[in-house]
């Protein structure tokens, strides 16, 4: 009976610890991963083709200052950690070119 209780406790503890770790790591999602915020910058629903420079500037100015800052920070993070997994190079270059203008 004690072995069964120890095993059950170990499984329960690992599940709780796993959930806590998943919640902690999940809070760091990028602002660039929010489809609702990113859609105005693309012409298609698959978000592969960027809008024109003028349309990009207009969409950028329509964002709240908090969203602009979050996107600029996410782009800066992508630039620091450049690798094949970075999925927004064209968007981030447009953000940099736009200079975060308001």
C-alpha atoms as a PDB file:
ATOM      1  CA  UNK A   1       0.000   0.000   0.000  1.00  0.00           C
ATOM      2  CA  UNK A   2       2.847   2.428   0.777  1.00  0.00           C
ATOM      3  CA  UNK A   3       4.476   1.845  -2.619  1.00  0.00           C
ATOM      4  CA  UNK A   4       1.177   2.591  -4.334  1.00  0.00           C
ATOM      5  CA  UNK A   5       0.805   5.834  -2.344  1.00  0.00           C
ATOM      6  CA  UNK A   6       4.386   6.905  -3.106  1.00  0.00           C
ATOM      7  CA  UNK A   7       3.921   6.246  -6.827  1.00  0.00           C
ATOM      8  CA  UNK A   8       0.614   8.103  -6.878  1.00  0.00           C
ATOM      9  CA  UNK A   9       2.189  11.068  -5.049  1.00  0.00           C
ATOM     10  CA  UNK A  10       5.127  11.133  -7.464  1.00  0.00           C
ATOM     11  CA  UNK A  11       2.809  11.176 -10.474  1.00  0.00           C
ATOM     12  CA  UNK A  12       0.650  13.913  -8.948  1.00  0.00           C
ATOM     13  CA  UNK A  13       3.703  16.001  -8.088  1.00  0.00           C
ATOM     14  CA  UNK A  14       5.140  15.674 -11.589  1.00  0.00           C
ATOM     15  CA  UNK A  15       1.816  16.732 -13.107  1.00  0.00           C
ATOM     16  CA  UNK A  16       1.590  19.807 -10.872  1.00  0.00           C
ATOM     17  CA  UNK A  17       5.224  20.752 -11.517  1.00  0.00           C
ATOM     18  CA  UNK A  18       4.769  20.259 -15.262  1.00  0.00           C
ATOM     19  CA  UNK A  19       1.714  22.493 -15.294  1.00  0.00           C
ATOM     20  CA  UNK A  20       3.533  25.193 -13.358  1.00  0.00           C
ATOM     21  CA  UNK A  21       6.497  25.089 -15.728  1.00  0.00           C
ATOM     22  CA  UNK A  22       4.255  25.201 -18.778  1.00  0.00           C
ATOM     23  CA  UNK A  23       2.407  28.223 -17.421  1.00  0.00           C
ATOM     24  CA  UNK A  24       5.643  30.037 -16.665  1.00  0.00           C
ATOM     25  CA  UNK A  25       7.115  29.439 -20.109  1.00  0.00           C
ATOM     26  CA  UNK A  26       3.855  30.158 -21.912  1.00  0.00           C
ATOM     27  CA  UNK A  27       3.671  33.703 -20.598  1.00  0.00           C
ATOM     28  CA  UNK A  28       6.562  34.755 -22.827  1.00  0.00           C
ATOM     29  CA  UNK A  29       4.707  34.612 -26.134  1.00  0.00           C
ATOM     30  CA  UNK A  30       5.735  37.182 -28.676  1.00  0.00           C
ATOM     31  CA  UNK A  31       3.548  40.126 -29.637  1.00  0.00           C
ATOM     32  CA  UNK A  32       4.252  39.032 -33.205  1.00  0.00           C
ATOM     33  CA  UNK A  33       2.326  35.813 -32.641  1.00  0.00           C
ATOM     34  CA  UNK A  34      -1.044  37.552 -32.203  1.00  0.00           C
ATOM     35  CA  UNK A  35      -2.931  37.123 -35.501  1.00  0.00           C
ATOM     36  CA  UNK A  36      -5.425  39.879 -34.686  1.00  0.00           C
ATOM     37  CA  UNK A  37      -2.646  42.455 -34.341  1.00  0.00           C
ATOM     38  CA  UNK A  38      -0.623  41.178 -37.285  1.00  0.00           C
ATOM     39  CA  UNK A  39      -3.436  40.815 -39.858  1.00  0.00           C
ATOM     40  CA  UNK A  40      -3.585  44.537 -40.860  1.00  0.00           C
ATOM     41  CA  UNK A  41       0.034  44.295 -42.054  1.00  0.00           C
ATOM     42  CA  UNK A  42      -0.630  41.472 -44.533  1.00  0.00           C
ATOM     43  CA  UNK A  43      -2.728  41.231 -47.684  1.00  0.00           C
ATOM     44  CA  UNK A  44      -3.686  37.579 -47.295  1.00  0.00           C
ATOM     45  CA  UNK A  45      -5.136  35.436 -44.529  1.00  0.00           C
ATOM     46  CA  UNK A  46      -2.041  33.216 -44.448  1.00  0.00           C
ATOM     47  CA  UNK A  47       0.000  36.337 -43.592  1.00  0.00           C
ATOM     48  CA  UNK A  48       2.688  35.747 -46.214  1.00  0.00           C
ATOM     49  CA  UNK A  49       2.392  38.909 -48.339  1.00  0.00           C
ATOM     50  CA  UNK A  50       3.033  42.302 -46.736  1.00  0.00           C
ATOM     51  CA  UNK A  51       0.906  45.347 -47.519  1.00  0.00           C
ATOM     52  CA  UNK A  52       2.433  48.397 -49.239  1.00  0.00           C
ATOM     53  CA  UNK A  53       4.691  50.753 -47.320  1.00  0.00           C
ATOM     54  CA  UNK A  54       1.927  53.384 -47.031  1.00  0.00           C
ATOM     55  CA  UNK A  55      -0.604  50.821 -45.813  1.00  0.00           C
ATOM     56  CA  UNK A  56       1.967  49.481 -43.337  1.00  0.00           C
ATOM     57  CA  UNK A  57       2.554  52.983 -41.929  1.00  0.00           C
ATOM     58  CA  UNK A  58      -1.201  53.548 -41.630  1.00  0.00           C
ATOM     59  CA  UNK A  59      -1.698  50.207 -39.830  1.00  0.00           C
ATOM     60  CA  UNK A  60       1.282  50.921 -37.570  1.00  0.00           C
ATOM     61  CA  UNK A  61      -0.121  54.309 -36.554  1.00  0.00           C
ATOM     62  CA  UNK A  62      -3.480  52.671 -35.784  1.00  0.00           C
ATOM     63  CA  UNK A  63      -1.868  50.490 -33.095  1.00  0.00           C
ATOM     64  CA  UNK A  64      -1.841  51.583 -29.482  1.00  0.00           C
ATOM     65  CA  UNK A  65       1.527  52.800 -28.147  1.00  0.00           C
ATOM     66  CA  UNK A  66       1.673  49.687 -25.922  1.00  0.00           C
ATOM     67  CA  UNK A  67       1.208  47.380 -28.928  1.00  0.00           C
ATOM     68  CA  UNK A  68       3.821  49.303 -30.911  1.00  0.00           C
ATOM     69  CA  UNK A  69       6.302  49.013 -28.067  1.00  0.00           C
ATOM     70  CA  UNK A  70       5.575  45.296 -27.627  1.00  0.00           C
ATOM     71  CA  UNK A  71       6.120  44.667 -31.343  1.00  0.00           C
ATOM     72  CA  UNK A  72       9.336  46.712 -31.412  1.00  0.00           C
ATOM     73  CA  UNK A  73      10.603  44.759 -28.399  1.00  0.00           C
ATOM     74  CA  UNK A  74       9.690  41.440 -30.023  1.00  0.00           C
ATOM     75  CA  UNK A  75      11.495  42.462 -33.218  1.00  0.00           C
ATOM     76  CA  UNK A  76      14.557  43.504 -31.221  1.00  0.00           C
ATOM     77  CA  UNK A  77      14.481  40.123 -29.463  1.00  0.00           C
ATOM     78  CA  UNK A  78      14.284  38.344 -32.827  1.00  0.00           C
ATOM     79  CA  UNK A  79      17.258  40.344 -34.088  1.00  0.00           C
ATOM     80  CA  UNK A  80      19.309  39.448 -30.988  1.00  0.00           C
ATOM     81  CA  UNK A  81      18.436  35.764 -31.274  1.00  0.00           C
ATOM     82  CA  UNK A  82      18.611  35.502 -35.059  1.00  0.00           C
ATOM     83  CA  UNK A  83      18.157  31.959 -36.323  1.00  0.00           C
ATOM     84  CA  UNK A  84      16.094  30.012 -38.825  1.00  0.00           C
ATOM     85  CA  UNK A  85      13.134  29.971 -36.416  1.00  0.00           C
ATOM     86  CA  UNK A  86      12.629  33.735 -36.724  1.00  0.00           C
ATOM     87  CA  UNK A  87       9.483  34.041 -38.764  1.00  0.00           C
ATOM     88  CA  UNK A  88       8.993  37.817 -39.073  1.00  0.00           C
ATOM     89  CA  UNK A  89      12.118  39.279 -40.746  1.00  0.00           C
ATOM     90  CA  UNK A  90      10.212  41.269 -43.391  1.00  0.00           C
ATOM     91  CA  UNK A  91       7.767  42.648 -40.819  1.00  0.00           C
ATOM     92  CA  UNK A  92      10.564  43.578 -38.409  1.00  0.00           C
ATOM     93  CA  UNK A  93      12.555  45.332 -41.120  1.00  0.00           C
ATOM     94  CA  UNK A  94       9.441  47.378 -41.932  1.00  0.00           C
ATOM     95  CA  UNK A  95       9.006  48.212 -38.242  1.00  0.00           C
ATOM     96  CA  UNK A  96      12.640  49.314 -38.064  1.00  0.00           C
ATOM     97  CA  UNK A  97      12.293  51.317 -41.271  1.00  0.00           C
ATOM     98  CA  UNK A  98       9.155  52.943 -39.895  1.00  0.00           C
ATOM     99  CA  UNK A  99      11.194  53.823 -36.827  1.00  0.00           C
ATOM    100  CA  UNK A 100       8.298  53.169 -34.543  1.00  0.00           C
ATOM    101  CA  UNK A 101       6.764  56.439 -35.701  1.00  0.00           C
ATOM    102  CA  UNK A 102       3.435  57.368 -34.185  1.00  0.00           C
END
